[in-house]
Amino acid sequence: PGKEREFVAAISWAGGTIYYADSVKGRFTISRDNAKNTVYLQMNSLK
C-alpha cells in the first residue's frame, strides 16, 4: 500500500539467469518448472 510495484525476482526460461532484488537476496528463491508451466517463489526468513 502506498508504494509502486517493485521487482522481487526473475528467472530465464532455462533457469540460467536469475536476479533478485537486494531486499530479498539470500532469503527468497525463484525457480520454474517448464513442464508444468509454473514458477515458484520460496520465501524464507520473512520480514
ModelCIF file with pLDDT and N, C-alpha, C, O atoms, coordinates in Angstrom:
data_MODEL
#
_entry.id   MODEL 
#
_entity.id                         1 
_entity.type                       polymer 
_entity.pdbx_number_of_molecules   1 
#
_entity_poly.entity_id                      1 
_entity_poly.type                           'polypeptide(L)' 
_entity_poly.nstd_linkage                   no 
_entity_poly.nstd_monomer                   no 
_entity_poly.pdbx_seq_one_letter_code       PGKEREFVAAISWAGGTIYYADSVKGRFTISRDNAKNTVYLQMNSLK 
_entity_poly.pdbx_seq_one_letter_code_can   PGKEREFVAAISWAGGTIYYADSVKGRFTISRDNAKNTVYLQMNSLK 
_entity_poly.pdbx_strand_id                 A 
#
loop_
_entity_poly_seq.entity_id 
_entity_poly_seq.num 
_entity_poly_seq.mon_id 
_entity_poly_seq.hetero 
1 1  PRO n 
1 2  GLY n 
1 3  LYS n 
1 4  GLU n 
1 5  ARG n 
1 6  GLU n 
1 7  PHE n 
1 8  VAL n 
1 9  ALA n 
1 10 ALA n 
1 11 ILE n 
1 12 SER n 
1 13 TRP n 
1 14 ALA n 
1 15 GLY n 
1 16 GLY n 
1 17 THR n 
1 18 ILE n 
1 19 TYR n 
1 20 TYR n 
1 21 ALA n 
1 22 ASP n 
1 23 SER n 
1 24 VAL n 
1 25 LYS n 
1 26 GLY n 
1 27 ARG n 
1 28 PHE n 
1 29 THR n 
1 30 ILE n 
1 31 SER n 
1 32 ARG n 
1 33 ASP n 
1 34 ASN n 
1 35 ALA n 
1 36 LYS n 
1 37 ASN n 
1 38 THR n 
1 39 VAL n 
1 40 TYR n 
1 41 LEU n 
1 42 GLN n 
1 43 MET n 
1 44 ASN n 
1 45 SER n 
1 46 LEU n 
1 47 LYS n 
#
_struct_asym.id          A 
_struct_asym.entity_id   1 
#
loop_
_ma_qa_metric.id 
_ma_qa_metric.mode 
_ma_qa_metric.name 
_ma_qa_metric.software_group_id 
_ma_qa_metric.type 
1 global pLDDT . pLDDT 
2 local  pLDDT . pLDDT 
#
_ma_qa_metric_global.metric_id      1 
_ma_qa_metric_global.metric_value   93.66 
_ma_qa_metric_global.model_id       1 
_ma_qa_metric_global.ordinal_id     1 
#
loop_
_ma_qa_metric_local.label_asym_id 
_ma_qa_metric_local.label_comp_id 
_ma_qa_metric_local.label_seq_id 
_ma_qa_metric_local.metric_id 
_ma_qa_metric_local.metric_value 
_ma_qa_metric_local.model_id 
_ma_qa_metric_local.ordinal_id 
A PRO 1  2 93.00 1 1  
A GLY 2  2 95.00 1 2  
A LYS 3  2 97.00 1 3  
A GLU 4  2 97.00 1 4  
A ARG 5  2 97.00 1 5  
A GLU 6  2 98.00 1 6  
A PHE 7  2 98.00 1 7  
A VAL 8  2 98.00 1 8  
A ALA 9  2 98.00 1 9  
A ALA 10 2 96.00 1 10 
A ILE 11 2 94.00 1 11 
A SER 12 2 89.00 1 12 
A TRP 13 2 80.00 1 13 
A ALA 14 2 78.00 1 14 
A GLY 15 2 80.00 1 15 
A GLY 16 2 85.00 1 16 
A THR 17 2 92.00 1 17 
A ILE 18 2 96.00 1 18 
A TYR 19 2 97.00 1 19 
A TYR 20 2 98.00 1 20 
A ALA 21 2 98.00 1 21 
A ASP 22 2 98.00 1 22 
A SER 23 2 98.00 1 23 
A VAL 24 2 98.00 1 24 
A LYS 25 2 98.00 1 25 
A GLY 26 2 98.00 1 26 
A ARG 27 2 98.00 1 27 
A PHE 28 2 98.00 1 28 
A THR 29 2 98.00 1 29 
A ILE 30 2 97.00 1 30 
A SER 31 2 95.00 1 31 
A ARG 32 2 89.00 1 32 
A ASP 33 2 88.00 1 33 
A ASN 34 2 81.00 1 34 
A ALA 35 2 83.00 1 35 
A LYS 36 2 85.00 1 36 
A ASN 37 2 83.00 1 37 
A THR 38 2 89.00 1 38 
A VAL 39 2 92.00 1 39 
A TYR 40 2 96.00 1 40 
A LEU 41 2 98.00 1 41 
A GLN 42 2 98.00 1 42 
A MET 43 2 98.00 1 43 
A ASN 44 2 98.00 1 44 
A SER 45 2 98.00 1 45 
A LEU 46 2 98.00 1 46 
A LYS 47 2 98.00 1 47 
#
loop_
_atom_site.group_PDB 
_atom_site.id 
_atom_site.type_symbol 
_atom_site.label_atom_id 
_atom_site.label_alt_id 
_atom_site.label_comp_id 
_atom_site.label_asym_id 
_atom_site.label_entity_id 
_atom_site.label_seq_id 
_atom_site.pdbx_PDB_ins_code 
_atom_site.Cartn_x 
_atom_site.Cartn_y 
_atom_site.Cartn_z 
_atom_site.occupancy 
_atom_site.B_iso_or_equiv 
_atom_site.pdbx_formal_charge 
_atom_site.auth_seq_id 
_atom_site.auth_comp_id 
_atom_site.auth_asym_id 
_atom_site.auth_atom_id 
_atom_site.pdbx_PDB_model_num 
ATOM 1   N N  . PRO A 1 1  ? 0.821  -1.213  0.000   1.00 93.00 ? 1  PRO A N  1 
ATOM 2   C CA . PRO A 1 1  ? 0.000  0.000   0.000   1.00 93.00 ? 1  PRO A CA 1 
ATOM 3   C C  . PRO A 1 1  ? 0.853  1.261   0.000   1.00 93.00 ? 1  PRO A C  1 
ATOM 4   O O  . PRO A 1 1  ? 1.791  1.390   0.786   1.00 93.00 ? 1  PRO A O  1 
ATOM 5   N N  . GLY A 1 2  ? 0.520  2.178   -0.880  1.00 95.00 ? 2  GLY A N  1 
ATOM 6   C CA . GLY A 1 2  ? 1.245  3.427   -0.948  1.00 95.00 ? 2  GLY A CA 1 
ATOM 7   C C  . GLY A 1 2  ? 2.561  3.359   -1.691  1.00 95.00 ? 2  GLY A C  1 
ATOM 8   O O  . GLY A 1 2  ? 3.277  4.357   -1.773  1.00 95.00 ? 2  GLY A O  1 
ATOM 9   N N  . LYS A 1 3  ? 2.893  2.206   -2.230  1.00 97.00 ? 3  LYS A N  1 
ATOM 10  C CA . LYS A 1 3  ? 4.143  2.050   -2.945  1.00 97.00 ? 3  LYS A CA 1 
ATOM 11  C C  . LYS A 1 3  ? 3.895  1.541   -4.358  1.00 97.00 ? 3  LYS A C  1 
ATOM 12  O O  . LYS A 1 3  ? 2.864  0.936   -4.650  1.00 97.00 ? 3  LYS A O  1 
ATOM 13  N N  . GLU A 1 4  ? 4.854  1.800   -5.212  1.00 97.00 ? 4  GLU A N  1 
ATOM 14  C CA . GLU A 1 4  ? 4.774  1.291   -6.565  1.00 97.00 ? 4  GLU A CA 1 
ATOM 15  C C  . GLU A 1 4  ? 5.168  -0.180  -6.598  1.00 97.00 ? 4  GLU A C  1 
ATOM 16  O O  . GLU A 1 4  ? 5.874  -0.674  -5.719  1.00 97.00 ? 4  GLU A O  1 
ATOM 17  N N  . ARG A 1 5  ? 4.701  -0.857  -7.618  1.00 97.00 ? 5  ARG A N  1 
ATOM 18  C CA . ARG A 1 5  ? 5.059  -2.241  -7.802  1.00 97.00 ? 5  ARG A CA 1 
ATOM 19  C C  . ARG A 1 5  ? 6.566  -2.353  -8.006  1.00 97.00 ? 5  ARG A C  1 
ATOM 20  O O  . ARG A 1 5  ? 7.146  -1.623  -8.809  1.00 97.00 ? 5  ARG A O  1 
ATOM 21  N N  . GLU A 1 6  ? 7.187  -3.255  -7.287  1.00 98.00 ? 6  GLU A N  1 
ATOM 22  C CA . GLU A 1 6  ? 8.628  -3.378  -7.344  1.00 98.00 ? 6  GLU A CA 1 
ATOM 23  C C  . GLU A 1 6  ? 9.071  -4.793  -7.692  1.00 98.00 ? 6  GLU A C  1 
ATOM 24  O O  . GLU A 1 6  ? 8.374  -5.774  -7.433  1.00 98.00 ? 6  GLU A O  1 
ATOM 25  N N  . PHE A 1 7  ? 10.230 -4.857  -8.275  1.00 98.00 ? 7  PHE A N  1 
ATOM 26  C CA . PHE A 1 7  ? 10.814 -6.122  -8.670  1.00 98.00 ? 7  PHE A CA 1 
ATOM 27  C C  . PHE A 1 7  ? 11.230 -6.943  -7.468  1.00 98.00 ? 7  PHE A C  1 
ATOM 28  O O  . PHE A 1 7  ? 11.749 -6.407  -6.489  1.00 98.00 ? 7  PHE A O  1 
ATOM 29  N N  . VAL A 1 8  ? 11.003 -8.235  -7.543  1.00 98.00 ? 8  VAL A N  1 
ATOM 30  C CA . VAL A 1 8  ? 11.411 -9.150  -6.487  1.00 98.00 ? 8  VAL A CA 1 
ATOM 31  C C  . VAL A 1 8  ? 12.427 -10.165 -6.999  1.00 98.00 ? 8  VAL A C  1 
ATOM 32  O O  . VAL A 1 8  ? 13.521 -10.287 -6.449  1.00 98.00 ? 8  VAL A O  1 
ATOM 33  N N  . ALA A 1 9  ? 12.065 -10.888 -8.050  1.00 98.00 ? 9  ALA A N  1 
ATOM 34  C CA . ALA A 1 9  ? 12.945 -11.923 -8.588  1.00 98.00 ? 9  ALA A CA 1 
ATOM 35  C C  . ALA A 1 9  ? 12.531 -12.253 -10.006 1.00 98.00 ? 9  ALA A C  1 
ATOM 36  O O  . ALA A 1 9  ? 11.374 -12.064 -10.383 1.00 98.00 ? 9  ALA A O  1 
ATOM 37  N N  . ALA A 1 10 ? 13.470 -12.745 -10.789 1.00 96.00 ? 10 ALA A N  1 
ATOM 38  C CA . ALA A 1 10 ? 13.182 -13.145 -12.155 1.00 96.00 ? 10 ALA A CA 1 
ATOM 39  C C  . ALA A 1 10 ? 14.068 -14.313 -12.544 1.00 96.00 ? 10 ALA A C  1 
ATOM 40  O O  . ALA A 1 10 ? 15.166 -14.487 -12.014 1.00 96.00 ? 10 ALA A O  1 
ATOM 41  N N  . ILE A 1 11 ? 13.573 -15.104 -13.476 1.00 94.00 ? 11 ILE A N  1 
ATOM 42  C CA . ILE A 1 11 ? 14.316 -16.264 -13.940 1.00 94.00 ? 11 ILE A CA 1 
ATOM 43  C C  . ILE A 1 11 ? 14.088 -16.447 -15.431 1.00 94.00 ? 11 ILE A C  1 
ATOM 44  O O  . ILE A 1 11 ? 12.970 -16.286 -15.920 1.00 94.00 ? 11 ILE A O  1 
ATOM 45  N N  . SER A 1 12 ? 15.145 -16.782 -16.147 1.00 89.00 ? 12 SER A N  1 
ATOM 46  C CA . SER A 1 12 ? 15.041 -17.016 -17.577 1.00 89.00 ? 12 SER A CA 1 
ATOM 47  C C  . SER A 1 12 ? 14.440 -18.392 -17.846 1.00 89.00 ? 12 SER A C  1 
ATOM 48  O O  . SER A 1 12 ? 14.254 -19.187 -16.925 1.00 89.00 ? 12 SER A O  1 
ATOM 49  N N  . TRP A 1 13 ? 14.139 -18.664 -19.106 1.00 80.00 ? 13 TRP A N  1 
ATOM 50  C CA . TRP A 1 13 ? 13.477 -19.909 -19.493 1.00 80.00 ? 13 TRP A CA 1 
ATOM 51  C C  . TRP A 1 13 ? 14.215 -21.139 -19.000 1.00 80.00 ? 13 TRP A C  1 
ATOM 52  O O  . TRP A 1 13 ? 13.608 -22.044 -18.426 1.00 80.00 ? 13 TRP A O  1 
ATOM 53  N N  . ALA A 1 14 ? 15.506 -21.177 -19.218 1.00 78.00 ? 14 ALA A N  1 
ATOM 54  C CA . ALA A 1 14 ? 16.290 -22.333 -18.832 1.00 78.00 ? 14 ALA A CA 1 
ATOM 55  C C  . ALA A 1 14 ? 16.807 -22.251 -17.403 1.00 78.00 ? 14 ALA A C  1 
ATOM 56  O O  . ALA A 1 14 ? 17.449 -23.179 -16.912 1.00 78.00 ? 14 ALA A O  1 
ATOM 57  N N  . GLY A 1 15 ? 16.529 -21.161 -16.755 1.00 80.00 ? 15 GLY A N  1 
ATOM 58  C CA . GLY A 1 15 ? 16.975 -21.002 -15.387 1.00 80.00 ? 15 GLY A CA 1 
ATOM 59  C C  . GLY A 1 15 ? 18.414 -20.562 -15.252 1.00 80.00 ? 15 GLY A C  1 
ATOM 60  O O  . GLY A 1 15 ? 18.951 -20.504 -14.146 1.00 80.00 ? 15 GLY A O  1 
ATOM 61  N N  . GLY A 1 16 ? 19.043 -20.252 -16.377 1.00 85.00 ? 16 GLY A N  1 
ATOM 62  C CA . GLY A 1 16 ? 20.445 -19.873 -16.340 1.00 85.00 ? 16 GLY A CA 1 
ATOM 63  C C  . GLY A 1 16 ? 20.697 -18.465 -15.852 1.00 85.00 ? 16 GLY A C  1 
ATOM 64  O O  . GLY A 1 16 ? 21.805 -18.133 -15.429 1.00 85.00 ? 16 GLY A O  1 
ATOM 65  N N  . THR A 1 17 ? 19.685 -17.649 -15.910 1.00 92.00 ? 17 THR A N  1 
ATOM 66  C CA . THR A 1 17 ? 19.808 -16.275 -15.462 1.00 92.00 ? 17 THR A CA 1 
ATOM 67  C C  . THR A 1 17 ? 18.769 -16.013 -14.389 1.00 92.00 ? 17 THR A C  1 
ATOM 68  O O  . THR A 1 17 ? 17.570 -16.162 -14.623 1.00 92.00 ? 17 THR A O  1 
ATOM 69  N N  . ILE A 1 18 ? 19.224 -15.630 -13.238 1.00 96.00 ? 18 ILE A N  1 
ATOM 70  C CA . ILE A 1 18 ? 18.351 -15.349 -12.105 1.00 96.00 ? 18 ILE A CA 1 
ATOM 71  C C  . ILE A 1 18 ? 18.764 -14.036 -11.474 1.00 96.00 ? 18 ILE A C  1 
ATOM 72  O O  . ILE A 1 18 ? 19.950 -13.774 -11.273 1.00 96.00 ? 18 ILE A O  1 
ATOM 73  N N  . TYR A 1 19 ? 17.790 -13.226 -11.168 1.00 97.00 ? 19 TYR A N  1 
ATOM 74  C CA . TYR A 1 19 ? 18.031 -11.959 -10.496 1.00 97.00 ? 19 TYR A CA 1 
ATOM 75  C C  . TYR A 1 19 ? 17.136 -11.855 -9.274  1.00 97.00 ? 19 TYR A C  1 
ATOM 76  O O  . TYR A 1 19 ? 16.012 -12.357 -9.254  1.00 97.00 ? 19 TYR A O  1 
ATOM 77  N N  . TYR A 1 20 ? 17.658 -11.198 -8.269  1.00 98.00 ? 20 TYR A N  1 
ATOM 78  C CA . TYR A 1 20 ? 16.892 -10.914 -7.069  1.00 98.00 ? 20 TYR A CA 1 
ATOM 79  C C  . TYR A 1 20 ? 17.055 -9.456  -6.689  1.00 98.00 ? 20 TYR A C  1 
ATOM 80  O O  . TYR A 1 20 ? 18.108 -8.852  -6.896  1.00 98.00 ? 20 TYR A O  1 
ATOM 81  N N  . ALA A 1 21 ? 16.011 -8.914  -6.139  1.00 98.00 ? 21 ALA A N  1 
ATOM 82  C CA . ALA A 1 21 ? 16.134 -7.604  -5.537  1.00 98.00 ? 21 ALA A CA 1 
ATOM 83  C C  . ALA A 1 21 ? 17.039 -7.710  -4.321  1.00 98.00 ? 21 ALA A C  1 
ATOM 84  O O  . ALA A 1 21 ? 17.051 -8.732  -3.635  1.00 98.00 ? 21 ALA A O  1 
ATOM 85  N N  . ASP A 1 22 ? 17.788 -6.667  -4.057  1.00 98.00 ? 22 ASP A N  1 
ATOM 86  C CA . ASP A 1 22 ? 18.691 -6.689  -2.915  1.00 98.00 ? 22 ASP A CA 1 
ATOM 87  C C  . ASP A 1 22 ? 17.951 -6.966  -1.608  1.00 98.00 ? 22 ASP A C  1 
ATOM 88  O O  . ASP A 1 22 ? 18.497 -7.588  -0.697  1.00 98.00 ? 22 ASP A O  1 
ATOM 89  N N  . SER A 1 23 ? 16.733 -6.510  -1.529  1.00 98.00 ? 23 SER A N  1 
ATOM 90  C CA . SER A 1 23 ? 15.973 -6.644  -0.303  1.00 98.00 ? 23 SER A CA 1 
ATOM 91  C C  . SER A 1 23 ? 15.587 -8.088  0.022   1.00 98.00 ? 23 SER A C  1 
ATOM 92  O O  . SER A 1 23 ? 15.269 -8.402  1.169   1.00 98.00 ? 23 SER A O  1 
ATOM 93  N N  . VAL A 1 24 ? 15.614 -8.964  -0.982  1.00 98.00 ? 24 VAL A N  1 
ATOM 94  C CA . VAL A 1 24 ? 15.212 -10.348 -0.753  1.00 98.00 ? 24 VAL A CA 1 
ATOM 95  C C  . VAL A 1 24 ? 16.336 -11.337 -0.996  1.00 98.00 ? 24 VAL A C  1 
ATOM 96  O O  . VAL A 1 24 ? 16.172 -12.532 -0.749  1.00 98.00 ? 24 VAL A O  1 
ATOM 97  N N  . LYS A 1 25 ? 17.455 -10.868 -1.468  1.00 98.00 ? 25 LYS A N  1 
ATOM 98  C CA . LYS A 1 25 ? 18.577 -11.743 -1.785  1.00 98.00 ? 25 LYS A CA 1 
ATOM 99  C C  . LYS A 1 25 ? 19.017 -12.520 -0.551  1.00 98.00 ? 25 LYS A C  1 
ATOM 100 O O  . LYS A 1 25 ? 19.201 -11.958 0.529   1.00 98.00 ? 25 LYS A O  1 
ATOM 101 N N  . GLY A 1 26 ? 19.180 -13.811 -0.736  1.00 98.00 ? 26 GLY A N  1 
ATOM 102 C CA . GLY A 1 26 ? 19.574 -14.670 0.361   1.00 98.00 ? 26 GLY A CA 1 
ATOM 103 C C  . GLY A 1 26 ? 18.408 -15.238 1.139   1.00 98.00 ? 26 GLY A C  1 
ATOM 104 O O  . GLY A 1 26 ? 18.581 -16.159 1.937   1.00 98.00 ? 26 GLY A O  1 
ATOM 105 N N  . ARG A 1 27 ? 17.226 -14.699 0.914   1.00 98.00 ? 27 ARG A N  1 
ATOM 106 C CA . ARG A 1 27 ? 16.037 -15.168 1.618   1.00 98.00 ? 27 ARG A CA 1 
ATOM 107 C C  . ARG A 1 27 ? 15.024 -15.809 0.685   1.00 98.00 ? 27 ARG A C  1 
ATOM 108 O O  . ARG A 1 27 ? 14.342 -16.762 1.061   1.00 98.00 ? 27 ARG A O  1 
ATOM 109 N N  . PHE A 1 28 ? 14.925 -15.292 -0.519  1.00 98.00 ? 28 PHE A N  1 
ATOM 110 C CA . PHE A 1 28 ? 13.959 -15.796 -1.490  1.00 98.00 ? 28 PHE A CA 1 
ATOM 111 C C  . PHE A 1 28 ? 14.664 -16.601 -2.567  1.00 98.00 ? 28 PHE A C  1 
ATOM 112 O O  . PHE A 1 28 ? 15.817 -16.331 -2.903  1.00 98.00 ? 28 PHE A O  1 
ATOM 113 N N  . THR A 1 29 ? 13.971 -17.580 -3.099  1.00 98.00 ? 29 THR A N  1 
ATOM 114 C CA . THR A 1 29 ? 14.491 -18.386 -4.185  1.00 98.00 ? 29 THR A CA 1 
ATOM 115 C C  . THR A 1 29 ? 13.427 -18.546 -5.256  1.00 98.00 ? 29 THR A C  1 
ATOM 116 O O  . THR A 1 29 ? 12.311 -18.984 -4.977  1.00 98.00 ? 29 THR A O  1 
ATOM 117 N N  . ILE A 1 30 ? 13.775 -18.190 -6.474  1.00 97.00 ? 30 ILE A N  1 
ATOM 118 C CA . ILE A 1 30 ? 12.857 -18.349 -7.590  1.00 97.00 ? 30 ILE A CA 1 
ATOM 119 C C  . ILE A 1 30 ? 13.255 -19.581 -8.391  1.00 97.00 ? 30 ILE A C  1 
ATOM 120 O O  . ILE A 1 30 ? 14.441 -19.861 -8.561  1.00 97.00 ? 30 ILE A O  1 
ATOM 121 N N  . SER A 1 31 ? 12.280 -20.299 -8.873  1.00 95.00 ? 31 SER A N  1 
ATOM 122 C CA . SER A 1 31 ? 12.531 -21.461 -9.703  1.00 95.00 ? 31 SER A CA 1 
ATOM 123 C C  . SER A 1 31 ? 11.355 -21.635 -10.654 1.00 95.00 ? 31 SER A C  1 
ATOM 124 O O  . SER A 1 31 ? 10.297 -21.034 -10.467 1.00 95.00 ? 31 SER A O  1 
ATOM 125 N N  . ARG A 1 32 ? 11.550 -22.453 -11.664 1.00 89.00 ? 32 ARG A N  1 
ATOM 126 C CA . ARG A 1 32 ? 10.463 -22.695 -12.598 1.00 89.00 ? 32 ARG A CA 1 
ATOM 127 C C  . ARG A 1 32 ? 10.476 -24.137 -13.062 1.00 89.00 ? 32 ARG A C  1 
ATOM 128 O O  . ARG A 1 32 ? 11.526 -24.772 -13.159 1.00 89.00 ? 32 ARG A O  1 
ATOM 129 N N  . ASP A 1 33 ? 9.303  -24.630 -13.341 1.00 88.00 ? 33 ASP A N  1 
ATOM 130 C CA . ASP A 1 33 ? 9.116  -25.964 -13.873 1.00 88.00 ? 33 ASP A CA 1 
ATOM 131 C C  . ASP A 1 33 ? 8.410  -25.785 -15.204 1.00 88.00 ? 33 ASP A C  1 
ATOM 132 O O  . ASP A 1 33 ? 7.192  -25.621 -15.260 1.00 88.00 ? 33 ASP A O  1 
ATOM 133 N N  . ASN A 1 34 ? 9.181  -25.819 -16.262 1.00 81.00 ? 34 ASN A N  1 
ATOM 134 C CA . ASN A 1 34 ? 8.626  -25.546 -17.581 1.00 81.00 ? 34 ASN A CA 1 
ATOM 135 C C  . ASN A 1 34 ? 7.607  -26.596 -18.021 1.00 81.00 ? 34 ASN A C  1 
ATOM 136 O O  . ASN A 1 34 ? 6.651  -26.281 -18.730 1.00 81.00 ? 34 ASN A O  1 
ATOM 137 N N  . ALA A 1 35 ? 7.812  -27.832 -17.604 1.00 83.00 ? 35 ALA A N  1 
ATOM 138 C CA . ALA A 1 35 ? 6.872  -28.885 -17.957 1.00 83.00 ? 35 ALA A CA 1 
ATOM 139 C C  . ALA A 1 35 ? 5.505  -28.636 -17.340 1.00 83.00 ? 35 ALA A C  1 
ATOM 140 O O  . ALA A 1 35 ? 4.479  -29.027 -17.898 1.00 83.00 ? 35 ALA A O  1 
ATOM 141 N N  . LYS A 1 36 ? 5.501  -27.985 -16.190 1.00 85.00 ? 36 LYS A N  1 
ATOM 142 C CA . LYS A 1 36 ? 4.255  -27.678 -15.503 1.00 85.00 ? 36 LYS A CA 1 
ATOM 143 C C  . LYS A 1 36 ? 3.797  -26.249 -15.724 1.00 85.00 ? 36 LYS A C  1 
ATOM 144 O O  . LYS A 1 36 ? 2.772  -25.825 -15.190 1.00 85.00 ? 36 LYS A O  1 
ATOM 145 N N  . ASN A 1 37 ? 4.557  -25.513 -16.509 1.00 83.00 ? 37 ASN A N  1 
ATOM 146 C CA . ASN A 1 37 ? 4.228  -24.116 -16.776 1.00 83.00 ? 37 ASN A CA 1 
ATOM 147 C C  . ASN A 1 37 ? 4.038  -23.331 -15.482 1.00 83.00 ? 37 ASN A C  1 
ATOM 148 O O  . ASN A 1 37 ? 3.092  -22.557 -15.334 1.00 83.00 ? 37 ASN A O  1 
ATOM 149 N N  . THR A 1 38 ? 4.951  -23.548 -14.565 1.00 89.00 ? 38 THR A N  1 
ATOM 150 C CA . THR A 1 38 ? 4.806  -22.970 -13.246 1.00 89.00 ? 38 THR A CA 1 
ATOM 151 C C  . THR A 1 38 ? 6.117  -22.351 -12.772 1.00 89.00 ? 38 THR A C  1 
ATOM 152 O O  . THR A 1 38 ? 7.196  -22.904 -12.987 1.00 89.00 ? 38 THR A O  1 
ATOM 153 N N  . VAL A 1 39 ? 6.005  -21.216 -12.136 1.00 92.00 ? 39 VAL A N  1 
ATOM 154 C CA . VAL A 1 39 ? 7.142  -20.580 -11.500 1.00 92.00 ? 39 VAL A CA 1 
ATOM 155 C C  . VAL A 1 39 ? 6.852  -20.502 -10.007 1.00 92.00 ? 39 VAL A C  1 
ATOM 156 O O  . VAL A 1 39 ? 5.707  -20.325 -9.591  1.00 92.00 ? 39 VAL A O  1 
ATOM 157 N N  . TYR A 1 40 ? 7.903  -20.636 -9.212  1.00 96.00 ? 40 TYR A N  1 
ATOM 158 C CA . TYR A 1 40 ? 7.757  -20.650 -7.772  1.00 96.00 ? 40 TYR A CA 1 
ATOM 159 C C  . TYR A 1 40 ? 8.599  -19.553 -7.140  1.00 96.00 ? 40 TYR A C  1 
ATOM 160 O O  . TYR A 1 40 ? 9.599  -19.104 -7.700  1.00 96.00 ? 40 TYR A O  1 
ATOM 161 N N  . LEU A 1 41 ? 8.175  -19.145 -5.984  1.00 98.00 ? 41 LEU A N  1 
ATOM 162 C CA . LEU A 1 41 ? 8.963  -18.224 -5.182  1.00 98.00 ? 41 LEU A CA 1 
ATOM 163 C C  . LEU A 1 41 ? 8.951  -18.736 -3.751  1.00 98.00 ? 41 LEU A C  1 
ATOM 164 O O  . LEU A 1 41 ? 7.953  -18.614 -3.040  1.00 98.00 ? 41 LEU A O  1 
ATOM 165 N N  . GLN A 1 42 ? 10.065 -19.305 -3.345  1.00 98.00 ? 42 GLN A N  1 
ATOM 166 C CA . GLN A 1 42 ? 10.215 -19.758 -1.974  1.00 98.00 ? 42 GLN A CA 1 
ATOM 167 C C  . GLN A 1 42 ? 10.699 -18.584 -1.146  1.00 98.00 ? 42 GLN A C  1 
ATOM 168 O O  . GLN A 1 42 ? 11.756 -18.017 -1.422  1.00 98.00 ? 42 GLN A O  1 
ATOM 169 N N  . MET A 1 43 ? 9.944  -18.225 -0.150  1.00 98.00 ? 43 MET A N  1 
ATOM 170 C CA . MET A 1 43 ? 10.254 -17.069 0.677   1.00 98.00 ? 43 MET A CA 1 
ATOM 171 C C  . MET A 1 43 ? 10.541 -17.528 2.096   1.00 98.00 ? 43 MET A C  1 
ATOM 172 O O  . MET A 1 43 ? 9.663  -18.047 2.785   1.00 98.00 ? 43 MET A O  1 
ATOM 173 N N  . ASN A 1 44 ? 11.761 -17.335 2.517   1.00 98.00 ? 44 ASN A N  1 
ATOM 174 C CA . ASN A 1 44 ? 12.179 -17.703 3.861   1.00 98.00 ? 44 ASN A CA 1 
ATOM 175 C C  . ASN A 1 44 ? 12.557 -16.462 4.649   1.00 98.00 ? 44 ASN A C  1 
ATOM 176 O O  . ASN A 1 44 ? 12.783 -15.390 4.088   1.00 98.00 ? 44 ASN A O  1 
ATOM 177 N N  . SER A 1 45 ? 12.617 -16.630 5.945   1.00 98.00 ? 45 SER A N  1 
ATOM 178 C CA . SER A 1 45 ? 13.004 -15.527 6.835   1.00 98.00 ? 45 SER A CA 1 
ATOM 179 C C  . SER A 1 45 ? 12.209 -14.270 6.525   1.00 98.00 ? 45 SER A C  1 
ATOM 180 O O  . SER A 1 45 ? 12.770 -13.183 6.389   1.00 98.00 ? 45 SER A O  1 
ATOM 181 N N  . LEU A 1 46 ? 10.933 -14.427 6.418   1.00 98.00 ? 46 LEU A N  1 
ATOM 182 C CA . LEU A 1 46 ? 10.077 -13.313 6.032   1.00 98.00 ? 46 LEU A CA 1 
ATOM 183 C C  . LEU A 1 46 ? 10.086 -12.209 7.080   1.00 98.00 ? 46 LEU A C  1 
ATOM 184 O O  . LEU A 1 46 ? 10.160 -12.456 8.284   1.00 98.00 ? 46 LEU A O  1 
ATOM 185 N N  . LYS A 1 47 ? 10.010 -11.000 6.581   1.00 98.00 ? 47 LYS A N  1 
ATOM 186 C CA . LYS A 1 47 ? 10.006 -9.811  7.409   1.00 98.00 ? 47 LYS A CA 1 
ATOM 187 C C  . LYS A 1 47 ? 8.713  -9.040  7.192   1.00 98.00 ? 47 LYS A C  1 
ATOM 188 O O  . LYS A 1 47 ? 8.510  -7.992  7.805   1.00 98.00 ? 47 LYS A O  1 
#
